[in-house]
Amino acid sequence: MVVGLLSKVSMRVNFKALPETLLILLILISANLKSMDGKENVKTEFATFGGGCFWCLEAVFRLVPGVISVTNGYAGGITKNPTYKDVCSGNTGHAEVIQIEYDPKKVSYEQLLKIFWKSHDPTSLNRQGADIGTQYRSIILYHNEYQKKIAEESKAAISKQFTNTIVTEILPFNVFYKAEEYHQDFYRKNPDYGYCRAIIKPKIDKLQSVLNQKKN
């Protein structure tokens, strides 16, 4: 709002007639006002994870402070613009994944990974529970070399907590295809759906309990 008012004022000002020092001052004020307005000054980053049905991971990560948005989609395969039906066929190479936009000043990539490991079984090859197929594989798609390094270190560390071998793939991110709209924010829109009550809600309750403990 404040930046908008400043923009309206600037339209009526003849900047060529202003002293250089005043111009510099106006620029500094504008920068500060943008910071006050919030989102204009936030530098966000992205994380892409797959670990079973994306409805489940999406619902979990939406609760995490510092996460700005979570989008369900498909990635890691070869087929362009796949549909849900295409991905379910197992012929696209894609996995069901979530694309997380987050504020790294509020939640780190390392913290997101810790939640990822606890949100699914990373030792289960090409399945999570009753969801079977390569589209349900455990996968981390890194967006830069830093994420690759952190993901590999995190995988090595967490493997000590499991008896079975972790099968999670760590691969470079290429392209993300947003899933159909009815898949987005599925748990919130369909809390009484059988899968939501039986599979997602217990995980949500567990994470919410942990978050509440941290607040107290």
N, C-alpha and C. Protein backbone atom coordinates (compact mmCIF):
# COMPACT_ATOMS: atom_id res chain seq x y z
N MET A 1 0.83 -1.20 0.00
CA MET A 1 0.00 0.00 0.00
C MET A 1 0.86 1.25 0.00
N VAL A 2 1.89 1.27 0.88
CA VAL A 2 2.75 2.45 1.01
C VAL A 2 3.50 2.68 -0.27
N VAL A 3 4.02 1.58 -0.88
CA VAL A 3 4.76 1.71 -2.12
C VAL A 3 3.86 2.22 -3.24
N GLY A 4 2.61 1.77 -3.20
CA GLY A 4 1.65 2.23 -4.20
C GLY A 4 1.43 3.73 -4.12
N LEU A 5 1.32 4.26 -2.89
CA LEU A 5 1.15 5.70 -2.72
C LEU A 5 2.36 6.46 -3.23
N LEU A 6 3.55 5.92 -2.95
CA LEU A 6 4.76 6.57 -3.41
C LEU A 6 4.82 6.60 -4.93
N SER A 7 4.34 5.51 -5.56
CA SER A 7 4.34 5.45 -7.02
C SER A 7 3.43 6.51 -7.61
N LYS A 8 2.24 6.74 -6.96
CA LYS A 8 1.31 7.75 -7.45
C LYS A 8 1.92 9.15 -7.35
N VAL A 9 2.65 9.39 -6.24
CA VAL A 9 3.29 10.68 -6.07
C VAL A 9 4.37 10.89 -7.12
N SER A 10 5.15 9.82 -7.40
CA SER A 10 6.26 9.93 -8.33
C SER A 10 5.79 10.28 -9.73
N MET A 11 4.55 9.92 -10.09
CA MET A 11 4.03 10.22 -11.41
C MET A 11 3.83 11.72 -11.60
N ARG A 12 3.72 12.47 -10.51
CA ARG A 12 3.45 13.91 -10.60
C ARG A 12 4.71 14.75 -10.39
N VAL A 13 5.86 14.07 -10.17
CA VAL A 13 7.08 14.80 -9.87
C VAL A 13 7.99 14.89 -11.09
N ASN A 14 8.56 16.06 -11.31
CA ASN A 14 9.55 16.25 -12.37
C ASN A 14 10.92 15.94 -11.78
N PHE A 15 11.37 14.70 -11.94
CA PHE A 15 12.61 14.26 -11.30
C PHE A 15 13.83 15.00 -11.83
N LYS A 16 13.78 15.48 -13.08
CA LYS A 16 14.92 16.19 -13.65
C LYS A 16 15.20 17.49 -12.91
N ALA A 17 14.15 18.02 -12.27
CA ALA A 17 14.31 19.31 -11.59
C ALA A 17 14.77 19.15 -10.15
N LEU A 18 14.86 17.92 -9.67
CA LEU A 18 15.24 17.68 -8.28
C LEU A 18 16.75 17.59 -8.13
N PRO A 19 17.28 18.07 -7.00
CA PRO A 19 18.71 17.94 -6.72
C PRO A 19 19.08 16.46 -6.63
N GLU A 20 20.34 16.13 -6.95
CA GLU A 20 20.78 14.75 -6.95
C GLU A 20 20.65 14.10 -5.57
N THR A 21 20.96 14.88 -4.52
CA THR A 21 20.88 14.33 -3.17
C THR A 21 19.45 13.95 -2.80
N LEU A 22 18.49 14.74 -3.27
CA LEU A 22 17.09 14.45 -2.98
C LEU A 22 16.62 13.21 -3.73
N LEU A 23 17.14 13.05 -4.96
CA LEU A 23 16.80 11.86 -5.74
C LEU A 23 17.30 10.60 -5.03
N ILE A 24 18.53 10.67 -4.50
CA ILE A 24 19.10 9.53 -3.79
C ILE A 24 18.27 9.21 -2.56
N LEU A 25 17.82 10.27 -1.85
CA LEU A 25 17.01 10.08 -0.66
C LEU A 25 15.69 9.40 -0.99
N LEU A 26 15.08 9.82 -2.09
CA LEU A 26 13.81 9.22 -2.51
C LEU A 26 13.99 7.74 -2.85
N ILE A 27 15.11 7.40 -3.48
CA ILE A 27 15.39 6.00 -3.83
C ILE A 27 15.54 5.16 -2.56
N LEU A 28 16.25 5.72 -1.56
CA LEU A 28 16.45 5.01 -0.31
C LEU A 28 15.14 4.81 0.44
N ILE A 29 14.29 5.83 0.44
CA ILE A 29 12.99 5.73 1.10
C ILE A 29 12.13 4.68 0.42
N SER A 30 12.17 4.66 -0.92
CA SER A 30 11.39 3.69 -1.68
C SER A 30 11.83 2.27 -1.34
N ALA A 31 13.13 2.04 -1.23
CA ALA A 31 13.65 0.71 -0.89
C ALA A 31 13.19 0.28 0.48
N ASN A 32 13.20 1.21 1.45
CA ASN A 32 12.77 0.89 2.80
C ASN A 32 11.28 0.59 2.86
N LEU A 33 10.51 1.35 2.07
CA LEU A 33 9.06 1.14 2.06
C LEU A 33 8.71 -0.21 1.47
N LYS A 34 9.46 -0.62 0.44
CA LYS A 34 9.23 -1.93 -0.15
C LYS A 34 9.49 -3.02 0.87
N SER A 35 10.52 -2.81 1.67
CA SER A 35 10.85 -3.77 2.72
C SER A 35 9.71 -3.84 3.73
N MET A 36 9.13 -2.68 4.06
CA MET A 36 8.02 -2.63 5.01
C MET A 36 6.80 -3.34 4.44
N ASP A 37 6.62 -3.26 3.13
CA ASP A 37 5.46 -3.90 2.51
C ASP A 37 5.55 -5.42 2.54
N GLY A 38 6.73 -5.96 2.79
CA GLY A 38 6.85 -7.40 3.03
C GLY A 38 7.34 -8.22 1.87
N LYS A 39 6.43 -8.85 1.14
CA LYS A 39 6.78 -9.87 0.18
C LYS A 39 7.73 -9.39 -0.91
N GLU A 40 7.71 -8.10 -1.23
CA GLU A 40 8.55 -7.60 -2.30
C GLU A 40 10.02 -7.80 -2.00
N ASN A 41 10.37 -7.94 -0.74
CA ASN A 41 11.77 -8.01 -0.35
C ASN A 41 12.18 -9.42 0.10
N VAL A 42 11.29 -10.38 0.00
CA VAL A 42 11.58 -11.75 0.44
C VAL A 42 12.17 -12.54 -0.72
N LYS A 43 13.35 -13.10 -0.49
CA LYS A 43 13.99 -13.95 -1.50
C LYS A 43 13.69 -15.39 -1.16
N THR A 44 12.84 -16.02 -1.96
CA THR A 44 12.43 -17.39 -1.68
C THR A 44 13.27 -18.39 -2.48
N GLU A 45 13.23 -19.64 -2.04
CA GLU A 45 13.90 -20.73 -2.73
C GLU A 45 12.92 -21.88 -2.91
N PHE A 46 13.33 -22.88 -3.70
CA PHE A 46 12.45 -24.00 -3.99
C PHE A 46 13.10 -25.33 -3.61
N ALA A 47 12.27 -26.27 -3.17
CA ALA A 47 12.70 -27.63 -2.88
C ALA A 47 11.69 -28.56 -3.53
N THR A 48 12.17 -29.66 -4.09
CA THR A 48 11.28 -30.60 -4.77
C THR A 48 11.51 -32.00 -4.24
N PHE A 49 10.45 -32.58 -3.65
CA PHE A 49 10.53 -33.91 -3.03
C PHE A 49 9.41 -34.82 -3.53
N GLY A 50 9.70 -36.11 -3.57
CA GLY A 50 8.68 -37.10 -3.86
C GLY A 50 8.80 -38.24 -2.87
N GLY A 51 7.68 -38.70 -2.33
CA GLY A 51 7.71 -39.77 -1.36
C GLY A 51 6.32 -40.36 -1.19
N GLY A 52 5.84 -41.03 -2.22
CA GLY A 52 4.48 -41.57 -2.18
C GLY A 52 3.48 -40.60 -2.79
N CYS A 53 2.25 -40.72 -2.40
CA CYS A 53 1.18 -39.85 -2.91
C CYS A 53 1.45 -38.40 -2.52
N PHE A 54 1.38 -37.51 -3.50
CA PHE A 54 1.70 -36.11 -3.19
C PHE A 54 0.68 -35.43 -2.29
N TRP A 55 -0.53 -35.98 -2.19
CA TRP A 55 -1.51 -35.41 -1.26
C TRP A 55 -0.96 -35.39 0.16
N CYS A 56 -0.27 -36.46 0.50
CA CYS A 56 0.23 -36.62 1.86
C CYS A 56 1.36 -35.64 2.16
N LEU A 57 2.37 -35.60 1.30
CA LEU A 57 3.49 -34.70 1.52
C LEU A 57 3.05 -33.24 1.51
N GLU A 58 2.13 -32.93 0.62
CA GLU A 58 1.64 -31.55 0.54
C GLU A 58 1.02 -31.12 1.86
N ALA A 59 0.17 -31.95 2.41
CA ALA A 59 -0.52 -31.62 3.67
C ALA A 59 0.47 -31.43 4.80
N VAL A 60 1.51 -32.25 4.84
CA VAL A 60 2.52 -32.14 5.89
C VAL A 60 3.29 -30.83 5.78
N PHE A 61 3.80 -30.53 4.61
CA PHE A 61 4.66 -29.36 4.45
C PHE A 61 3.90 -28.03 4.51
N ARG A 62 2.61 -28.06 4.29
CA ARG A 62 1.83 -26.83 4.43
C ARG A 62 1.81 -26.34 5.88
N LEU A 63 2.09 -27.22 6.82
CA LEU A 63 2.09 -26.85 8.24
C LEU A 63 3.41 -26.23 8.69
N VAL A 64 4.45 -26.37 7.89
CA VAL A 64 5.79 -25.96 8.32
C VAL A 64 5.95 -24.44 8.26
N PRO A 65 6.29 -23.80 9.36
CA PRO A 65 6.55 -22.35 9.36
C PRO A 65 7.70 -22.02 8.42
N GLY A 66 7.51 -21.00 7.61
CA GLY A 66 8.53 -20.62 6.65
C GLY A 66 8.23 -21.12 5.25
N VAL A 67 7.33 -22.09 5.14
CA VAL A 67 6.91 -22.58 3.83
C VAL A 67 5.83 -21.65 3.30
N ILE A 68 6.05 -21.12 2.12
CA ILE A 68 5.13 -20.14 1.53
C ILE A 68 4.04 -20.82 0.71
N SER A 69 4.44 -21.82 -0.07
CA SER A 69 3.45 -22.53 -0.87
C SER A 69 3.94 -23.94 -1.17
N VAL A 70 2.98 -24.84 -1.40
CA VAL A 70 3.28 -26.22 -1.79
C VAL A 70 2.40 -26.57 -2.97
N THR A 71 3.02 -27.02 -4.05
CA THR A 71 2.28 -27.36 -5.26
C THR A 71 2.51 -28.81 -5.63
N ASN A 72 1.44 -29.53 -5.91
CA ASN A 72 1.55 -30.92 -6.33
C ASN A 72 1.83 -31.00 -7.82
N GLY A 73 2.67 -31.96 -8.20
CA GLY A 73 2.96 -32.09 -9.62
C GLY A 73 3.77 -33.33 -9.96
N TYR A 74 4.37 -33.30 -11.14
CA TYR A 74 5.11 -34.44 -11.65
C TYR A 74 6.50 -33.99 -12.11
N ALA A 75 7.50 -34.82 -11.85
CA ALA A 75 8.87 -34.49 -12.25
C ALA A 75 9.73 -35.74 -12.23
N GLY A 76 10.90 -35.64 -12.83
CA GLY A 76 11.85 -36.74 -12.82
C GLY A 76 11.73 -37.69 -13.99
N GLY A 77 10.81 -37.41 -14.92
CA GLY A 77 10.59 -38.32 -16.04
C GLY A 77 10.92 -37.69 -17.39
N ILE A 78 10.36 -38.27 -18.45
CA ILE A 78 10.70 -37.83 -19.80
C ILE A 78 9.50 -37.28 -20.59
N THR A 79 8.30 -37.64 -20.18
CA THR A 79 7.10 -37.21 -20.91
C THR A 79 6.77 -35.75 -20.63
N LYS A 80 6.54 -34.98 -21.69
CA LYS A 80 6.20 -33.57 -21.53
C LYS A 80 4.70 -33.42 -21.23
N ASN A 81 4.42 -32.50 -20.32
CA ASN A 81 3.04 -32.17 -19.95
C ASN A 81 2.18 -33.41 -19.65
N PRO A 82 2.63 -34.26 -18.75
CA PRO A 82 1.87 -35.48 -18.45
C PRO A 82 0.60 -35.19 -17.67
N THR A 83 -0.37 -36.05 -17.83
CA THR A 83 -1.59 -35.99 -17.03
C THR A 83 -1.44 -36.99 -15.89
N TYR A 84 -2.37 -36.93 -14.95
CA TYR A 84 -2.34 -37.88 -13.84
C TYR A 84 -2.47 -39.31 -14.37
N LYS A 85 -3.32 -39.49 -15.37
CA LYS A 85 -3.51 -40.81 -15.96
C LYS A 85 -2.22 -41.30 -16.60
N ASP A 86 -1.52 -40.41 -17.26
CA ASP A 86 -0.24 -40.77 -17.89
C ASP A 86 0.76 -41.25 -16.84
N VAL A 87 0.86 -40.49 -15.75
CA VAL A 87 1.83 -40.81 -14.70
C VAL A 87 1.48 -42.13 -14.02
N CYS A 88 0.19 -42.37 -13.81
CA CYS A 88 -0.26 -43.62 -13.18
C CYS A 88 0.04 -44.84 -14.03
N SER A 89 0.23 -44.65 -15.32
CA SER A 89 0.53 -45.78 -16.21
C SER A 89 1.92 -46.33 -15.93
N GLY A 90 2.78 -45.50 -15.33
CA GLY A 90 4.14 -45.92 -15.03
C GLY A 90 5.09 -45.82 -16.21
N ASN A 91 4.61 -45.23 -17.31
CA ASN A 91 5.42 -45.16 -18.52
C ASN A 91 6.08 -43.80 -18.77
N THR A 92 5.82 -42.85 -17.92
CA THR A 92 6.35 -41.50 -18.14
C THR A 92 7.71 -41.28 -17.48
N GLY A 93 8.03 -42.10 -16.49
CA GLY A 93 9.26 -41.91 -15.74
C GLY A 93 9.11 -40.88 -14.62
N HIS A 94 7.98 -40.20 -14.58
CA HIS A 94 7.76 -39.15 -13.58
C HIS A 94 7.36 -39.74 -12.24
N ALA A 95 7.66 -39.00 -11.20
CA ALA A 95 7.20 -39.33 -9.85
C ALA A 95 6.21 -38.26 -9.42
N GLU A 96 5.31 -38.62 -8.53
CA GLU A 96 4.46 -37.61 -7.91
C GLU A 96 5.34 -36.84 -6.93
N VAL A 97 5.41 -35.53 -7.09
CA VAL A 97 6.28 -34.73 -6.24
C VAL A 97 5.56 -33.48 -5.76
N ILE A 98 6.17 -32.82 -4.79
CA ILE A 98 5.68 -31.52 -4.36
C ILE A 98 6.78 -30.49 -4.61
N GLN A 99 6.37 -29.33 -5.04
CA GLN A 99 7.29 -28.20 -5.24
C GLN A 99 7.04 -27.22 -4.09
N ILE A 100 8.05 -27.06 -3.24
CA ILE A 100 7.92 -26.21 -2.06
C ILE A 100 8.61 -24.87 -2.30
N GLU A 101 7.89 -23.79 -2.11
CA GLU A 101 8.51 -22.46 -2.11
C GLU A 101 8.62 -22.05 -0.65
N TYR A 102 9.83 -21.68 -0.24
CA TYR A 102 10.04 -21.38 1.18
C TYR A 102 10.97 -20.19 1.39
N ASP A 103 10.88 -19.63 2.58
CA ASP A 103 11.74 -18.51 2.97
C ASP A 103 12.92 -19.10 3.75
N PRO A 104 14.13 -19.10 3.16
CA PRO A 104 15.29 -19.72 3.83
C PRO A 104 15.71 -19.03 5.12
N LYS A 105 15.17 -17.83 5.35
CA LYS A 105 15.47 -17.14 6.60
C LYS A 105 14.63 -17.70 7.75
N LYS A 106 13.55 -18.39 7.39
CA LYS A 106 12.65 -18.93 8.42
C LYS A 106 12.75 -20.44 8.55
N VAL A 107 13.08 -21.12 7.46
CA VAL A 107 13.24 -22.57 7.51
C VAL A 107 14.34 -22.95 6.51
N SER A 108 15.27 -23.77 6.94
CA SER A 108 16.40 -24.14 6.08
C SER A 108 16.08 -25.37 5.24
N TYR A 109 16.89 -25.57 4.22
CA TYR A 109 16.75 -26.76 3.38
C TYR A 109 17.00 -28.02 4.21
N GLU A 110 17.96 -27.95 5.12
CA GLU A 110 18.25 -29.07 6.01
C GLU A 110 17.03 -29.45 6.85
N GLN A 111 16.32 -28.45 7.35
CA GLN A 111 15.12 -28.71 8.16
C GLN A 111 14.01 -29.33 7.32
N LEU A 112 13.89 -28.88 6.09
CA LEU A 112 12.88 -29.47 5.20
C LEU A 112 13.20 -30.94 4.94
N LEU A 113 14.48 -31.24 4.78
CA LEU A 113 14.89 -32.63 4.54
C LEU A 113 14.56 -33.52 5.75
N LYS A 114 14.77 -32.99 6.95
CA LYS A 114 14.47 -33.77 8.15
C LYS A 114 12.99 -34.14 8.20
N ILE A 115 12.14 -33.20 7.82
CA ILE A 115 10.70 -33.47 7.79
C ILE A 115 10.38 -34.47 6.68
N PHE A 116 11.06 -34.33 5.55
CA PHE A 116 10.86 -35.25 4.42
C PHE A 116 11.15 -36.69 4.82
N TRP A 117 12.26 -36.93 5.50
CA TRP A 117 12.62 -38.29 5.90
C TRP A 117 11.59 -38.89 6.84
N LYS A 118 11.01 -38.05 7.69
CA LYS A 118 10.05 -38.54 8.68
C LYS A 118 8.63 -38.67 8.11
N SER A 119 8.42 -38.15 6.91
CA SER A 119 7.08 -38.13 6.33
C SER A 119 6.78 -39.33 5.45
N HIS A 120 7.77 -40.20 5.23
CA HIS A 120 7.55 -41.38 4.41
C HIS A 120 8.62 -42.42 4.75
N ASP A 121 8.52 -43.59 4.14
CA ASP A 121 9.51 -44.65 4.36
C ASP A 121 10.52 -44.62 3.21
N PRO A 122 11.71 -44.06 3.42
CA PRO A 122 12.69 -43.95 2.34
C PRO A 122 13.38 -45.26 1.99
N THR A 123 13.04 -46.35 2.70
CA THR A 123 13.63 -47.65 2.40
C THR A 123 12.71 -48.51 1.53
N SER A 124 11.55 -47.98 1.22
CA SER A 124 10.56 -48.73 0.44
C SER A 124 10.73 -48.40 -1.05
N LEU A 125 11.08 -49.38 -1.85
CA LEU A 125 11.35 -49.16 -3.26
C LEU A 125 10.07 -49.11 -4.09
N ASN A 126 9.86 -47.96 -4.75
CA ASN A 126 8.74 -47.78 -5.68
C ASN A 126 7.37 -48.05 -5.06
N ARG A 127 7.24 -47.72 -3.79
CA ARG A 127 5.93 -47.83 -3.16
C ARG A 127 5.94 -47.13 -1.81
N GLN A 128 4.75 -46.74 -1.37
CA GLN A 128 4.52 -46.25 -0.01
C GLN A 128 3.20 -46.85 0.42
N GLY A 129 3.28 -47.83 1.32
CA GLY A 129 2.06 -48.49 1.75
C GLY A 129 1.38 -49.19 0.60
N ALA A 130 0.10 -48.88 0.41
CA ALA A 130 -0.69 -49.51 -0.65
C ALA A 130 -0.48 -48.84 -2.01
N ASP A 131 0.24 -47.71 -2.03
CA ASP A 131 0.51 -47.01 -3.29
C ASP A 131 1.76 -47.62 -3.92
N ILE A 132 1.56 -48.36 -5.01
CA ILE A 132 2.65 -49.10 -5.63
C ILE A 132 2.90 -48.62 -7.06
N GLY A 133 4.18 -48.44 -7.40
CA GLY A 133 4.55 -48.01 -8.74
C GLY A 133 5.73 -47.04 -8.68
N THR A 134 6.44 -46.91 -9.78
CA THR A 134 7.61 -46.02 -9.80
C THR A 134 7.23 -44.56 -9.56
N GLN A 135 5.98 -44.22 -9.83
CA GLN A 135 5.54 -42.83 -9.60
C GLN A 135 5.49 -42.49 -8.11
N TYR A 136 5.55 -43.53 -7.26
CA TYR A 136 5.52 -43.30 -5.82
C TYR A 136 6.90 -43.45 -5.18
N ARG A 137 7.94 -43.45 -5.99
CA ARG A 137 9.30 -43.64 -5.47
C ARG A 137 9.75 -42.45 -4.63
N SER A 138 10.70 -42.72 -3.77
CA SER A 138 11.30 -41.67 -2.94
C SER A 138 12.36 -40.96 -3.75
N ILE A 139 12.24 -39.63 -3.86
CA ILE A 139 13.15 -38.89 -4.72
C ILE A 139 13.35 -37.45 -4.23
N ILE A 140 14.57 -36.97 -4.35
CA ILE A 140 14.91 -35.58 -4.07
C ILE A 140 15.48 -35.00 -5.34
N LEU A 141 14.89 -33.93 -5.83
CA LEU A 141 15.38 -33.25 -7.03
C LEU A 141 16.00 -31.93 -6.60
N TYR A 142 17.33 -31.86 -6.66
CA TYR A 142 18.03 -30.67 -6.18
C TYR A 142 18.08 -29.57 -7.24
N HIS A 143 17.99 -28.33 -6.77
CA HIS A 143 17.96 -27.17 -7.67
C HIS A 143 19.32 -26.52 -7.87
N ASN A 144 20.29 -26.89 -7.06
CA ASN A 144 21.65 -26.35 -7.20
C ASN A 144 22.62 -27.28 -6.48
N GLU A 145 23.91 -26.99 -6.62
CA GLU A 145 24.93 -27.86 -6.04
C GLU A 145 24.88 -27.87 -4.51
N TYR A 146 24.47 -26.75 -3.95
CA TYR A 146 24.36 -26.69 -2.49
C TYR A 146 23.31 -27.68 -2.01
N GLN A 147 22.15 -27.68 -2.66
CA GLN A 147 21.10 -28.62 -2.27
C GLN A 147 21.55 -30.06 -2.48
N LYS A 148 22.30 -30.33 -3.54
CA LYS A 148 22.81 -31.68 -3.78
C LYS A 148 23.69 -32.13 -2.62
N LYS A 149 24.60 -31.26 -2.21
CA LYS A 149 25.53 -31.57 -1.13
C LYS A 149 24.78 -31.84 0.17
N ILE A 150 23.84 -30.96 0.50
CA ILE A 150 23.09 -31.10 1.75
C ILE A 150 22.23 -32.36 1.72
N ALA A 151 21.61 -32.65 0.57
CA ALA A 151 20.76 -33.83 0.44
C ALA A 151 21.57 -35.11 0.62
N GLU A 152 22.75 -35.17 0.03
CA GLU A 152 23.60 -36.36 0.15
C GLU A 152 24.08 -36.55 1.58
N GLU A 153 24.45 -35.45 2.22
CA GLU A 153 24.90 -35.52 3.62
C GLU A 153 23.75 -35.94 4.53
N SER A 154 22.57 -35.41 4.27
CA SER A 154 21.39 -35.73 5.07
C SER A 154 21.02 -37.20 4.91
N LYS A 155 21.09 -37.69 3.68
CA LYS A 155 20.78 -39.10 3.41
C LYS A 155 21.75 -40.01 4.14
N ALA A 156 23.03 -39.66 4.11
CA ALA A 156 24.05 -40.47 4.78
C ALA A 156 23.82 -40.49 6.29
N ALA A 157 23.44 -39.35 6.83
CA ALA A 157 23.22 -39.24 8.28
C ALA A 157 21.98 -40.02 8.71
N ILE A 158 20.90 -39.88 7.95
CA ILE A 158 19.64 -40.52 8.34
C ILE A 158 19.69 -42.04 8.13
N SER A 159 20.56 -42.50 7.24
CA SER A 159 20.65 -43.94 6.96
C SER A 159 21.05 -44.73 8.20
N LYS A 160 21.72 -44.07 9.13
CA LYS A 160 22.15 -44.74 10.37
C LYS A 160 20.97 -45.08 11.27
N GLN A 161 19.83 -44.46 10.98
CA GLN A 161 18.65 -44.69 11.81
C GLN A 161 17.76 -45.82 11.25
N PHE A 162 18.15 -46.36 10.09
CA PHE A 162 17.35 -47.41 9.46
C PHE A 162 18.14 -48.70 9.34
N THR A 163 17.44 -49.81 9.49
CA THR A 163 18.08 -51.12 9.31
C THR A 163 18.24 -51.42 7.83
N ASN A 164 17.20 -51.12 7.06
CA ASN A 164 17.23 -51.35 5.61
C ASN A 164 17.88 -50.18 4.88
N THR A 165 18.32 -50.44 3.66
CA THR A 165 18.99 -49.43 2.85
C THR A 165 18.01 -48.37 2.35
N ILE A 166 18.42 -47.12 2.42
CA ILE A 166 17.61 -46.03 1.88
C ILE A 166 17.71 -46.04 0.36
N VAL A 167 16.58 -46.03 -0.30
CA VAL A 167 16.55 -46.13 -1.77
C VAL A 167 16.22 -44.78 -2.43
N THR A 168 16.19 -43.73 -1.67
CA THR A 168 15.84 -42.40 -2.19
C THR A 168 16.81 -41.95 -3.28
N GLU A 169 16.27 -41.54 -4.42
CA GLU A 169 17.09 -41.02 -5.51
C GLU A 169 17.40 -39.55 -5.24
N ILE A 170 18.62 -39.13 -5.58
CA ILE A 170 18.99 -37.72 -5.50
C ILE A 170 19.47 -37.32 -6.89
N LEU A 171 18.63 -36.54 -7.58
CA LEU A 171 18.88 -36.22 -8.98
C LEU A 171 18.71 -34.72 -9.23
N PRO A 172 19.32 -34.20 -10.30
CA PRO A 172 19.15 -32.77 -10.61
C PRO A 172 17.73 -32.46 -11.08
N PHE A 173 17.21 -31.34 -10.62
CA PHE A 173 15.88 -30.89 -11.04
C PHE A 173 15.95 -30.44 -12.49
N ASN A 174 14.95 -30.83 -13.27
CA ASN A 174 14.90 -30.41 -14.67
C ASN A 174 13.67 -29.54 -14.92
N VAL A 175 12.50 -30.17 -14.84
CA VAL A 175 11.27 -29.43 -15.07
C VAL A 175 10.17 -29.99 -14.16
N PHE A 176 9.27 -29.11 -13.76
CA PHE A 176 8.16 -29.48 -12.90
C PHE A 176 6.86 -29.22 -13.63
N TYR A 177 6.00 -30.22 -13.66
CA TYR A 177 4.68 -30.08 -14.30
C TYR A 177 3.62 -30.07 -13.20
N LYS A 178 2.90 -28.97 -13.10
CA LYS A 178 1.87 -28.86 -12.08
C LYS A 178 0.75 -29.85 -12.34
N ALA A 179 0.32 -30.52 -11.28
CA ALA A 179 -0.77 -31.50 -11.40
C ALA A 179 -2.11 -30.79 -11.59
N GLU A 180 -3.09 -31.55 -11.96
CA GLU A 180 -4.43 -31.02 -12.17
C GLU A 180 -4.94 -30.31 -10.91
N GLU A 181 -5.81 -29.35 -11.12
CA GLU A 181 -6.25 -28.49 -10.02
C GLU A 181 -6.92 -29.27 -8.89
N TYR A 182 -7.62 -30.34 -9.20
CA TYR A 182 -8.30 -31.09 -8.14
C TYR A 182 -7.32 -31.80 -7.19
N HIS A 183 -6.06 -31.88 -7.59
CA HIS A 183 -5.05 -32.48 -6.72
C HIS A 183 -4.46 -31.47 -5.74
N GLN A 184 -4.64 -30.19 -6.01
CA GLN A 184 -4.03 -29.15 -5.18
C GLN A 184 -4.79 -28.96 -3.87
N ASP A 185 -4.03 -28.88 -2.77
CA ASP A 185 -4.61 -28.66 -1.43
C ASP A 185 -5.69 -29.70 -1.14
N PHE A 186 -5.40 -30.93 -1.53
CA PHE A 186 -6.41 -31.99 -1.48
C PHE A 186 -6.91 -32.29 -0.07
N TYR A 187 -5.99 -32.36 0.87
CA TYR A 187 -6.38 -32.72 2.23
C TYR A 187 -7.32 -31.68 2.85
N ARG A 188 -7.01 -30.41 2.67
CA ARG A 188 -7.86 -29.36 3.24
C ARG A 188 -9.26 -29.38 2.61
N LYS A 189 -9.31 -29.67 1.32
CA LYS A 189 -10.59 -29.66 0.62
C LYS A 189 -11.41 -30.93 0.86
N ASN A 190 -10.71 -32.03 1.22
CA ASN A 190 -11.39 -33.32 1.35
C ASN A 190 -10.98 -34.04 2.64
N PRO A 191 -11.17 -33.41 3.80
CA PRO A 191 -10.70 -34.02 5.06
C PRO A 191 -11.39 -35.33 5.42
N ASP A 192 -12.61 -35.55 4.90
CA ASP A 192 -13.35 -36.77 5.24
C ASP A 192 -13.15 -37.90 4.23
N TYR A 193 -12.35 -37.63 3.21
CA TYR A 193 -12.05 -38.68 2.23
C TYR A 193 -11.30 -39.80 2.94
N GLY A 194 -11.61 -41.05 2.61
CA GLY A 194 -11.04 -42.19 3.31
C GLY A 194 -9.53 -42.17 3.42
N TYR A 195 -8.83 -41.89 2.34
CA TYR A 195 -7.37 -41.85 2.34
C TYR A 195 -6.86 -40.76 3.27
N CYS A 196 -7.55 -39.64 3.27
CA CYS A 196 -7.14 -38.51 4.12
C CYS A 196 -7.26 -38.86 5.60
N ARG A 197 -8.35 -39.50 5.96
CA ARG A 197 -8.57 -39.86 7.36
C ARG A 197 -7.63 -40.97 7.83
N ALA A 198 -7.39 -41.93 6.97
CA ALA A 198 -6.61 -43.10 7.36
C ALA A 198 -5.09 -42.90 7.26
N ILE A 199 -4.65 -42.17 6.24
CA ILE A 199 -3.21 -42.04 5.97
C ILE A 199 -2.64 -40.66 6.32
N ILE A 200 -3.34 -39.62 5.88
CA ILE A 200 -2.77 -38.28 6.03
C ILE A 200 -2.97 -37.70 7.43
N LYS A 201 -4.17 -37.84 7.98
CA LYS A 201 -4.46 -37.22 9.28
C LYS A 201 -3.51 -37.66 10.40
N PRO A 202 -3.16 -38.94 10.52
CA PRO A 202 -2.22 -39.33 11.57
C PRO A 202 -0.86 -38.63 11.45
N LYS A 203 -0.40 -38.44 10.22
CA LYS A 203 0.87 -37.76 10.02
C LYS A 203 0.75 -36.28 10.37
N ILE A 204 -0.38 -35.69 10.02
CA ILE A 204 -0.62 -34.28 10.31
C ILE A 204 -0.67 -34.08 11.82
N ASP A 205 -1.37 -34.95 12.51
CA ASP A 205 -1.50 -34.84 13.97
C ASP A 205 -0.13 -34.97 14.65
N LYS A 206 0.70 -35.88 14.13
CA LYS A 206 2.03 -36.09 14.70
C LYS A 206 2.90 -34.86 14.52
N LEU A 207 2.90 -34.29 13.32
CA LEU A 207 3.71 -33.10 13.06
C LEU A 207 3.19 -31.91 13.85
N GLN A 208 1.86 -31.77 13.92
CA GLN A 208 1.28 -30.65 14.65
C GLN A 208 1.66 -30.71 16.12
N SER A 209 1.73 -31.92 16.66
CA SER A 209 2.12 -32.10 18.06
C SER A 209 3.56 -31.63 18.27
N VAL A 210 4.45 -31.97 17.34
CA VAL A 210 5.86 -31.57 17.42
C VAL A 210 5.99 -30.05 17.34
N LEU A 211 5.22 -29.45 16.41
CA LEU A 211 5.28 -28.00 16.23
C LEU A 211 4.76 -27.27 17.48
N ASN A 212 3.72 -27.82 18.09
CA ASN A 212 3.16 -27.22 19.29
C ASN A 212 4.14 -27.29 20.45
N GLN A 213 4.88 -28.39 20.54
CA GLN A 213 5.89 -28.55 21.60
C GLN A 213 7.00 -27.51 21.45
N LYS A 214 7.37 -27.22 20.20
CA LYS A 214 8.42 -26.24 19.97
C LYS A 214 7.98 -24.83 20.35
N LYS A 215 6.68 -24.57 20.23
CA LYS A 215 6.16 -23.25 20.58
C LYS A 215 6.16 -23.04 22.10
N ASN A 216 5.95 -24.13 22.86
CA ASN A 216 5.85 -24.04 24.32
C ASN A 216 7.21 -24.07 25.00
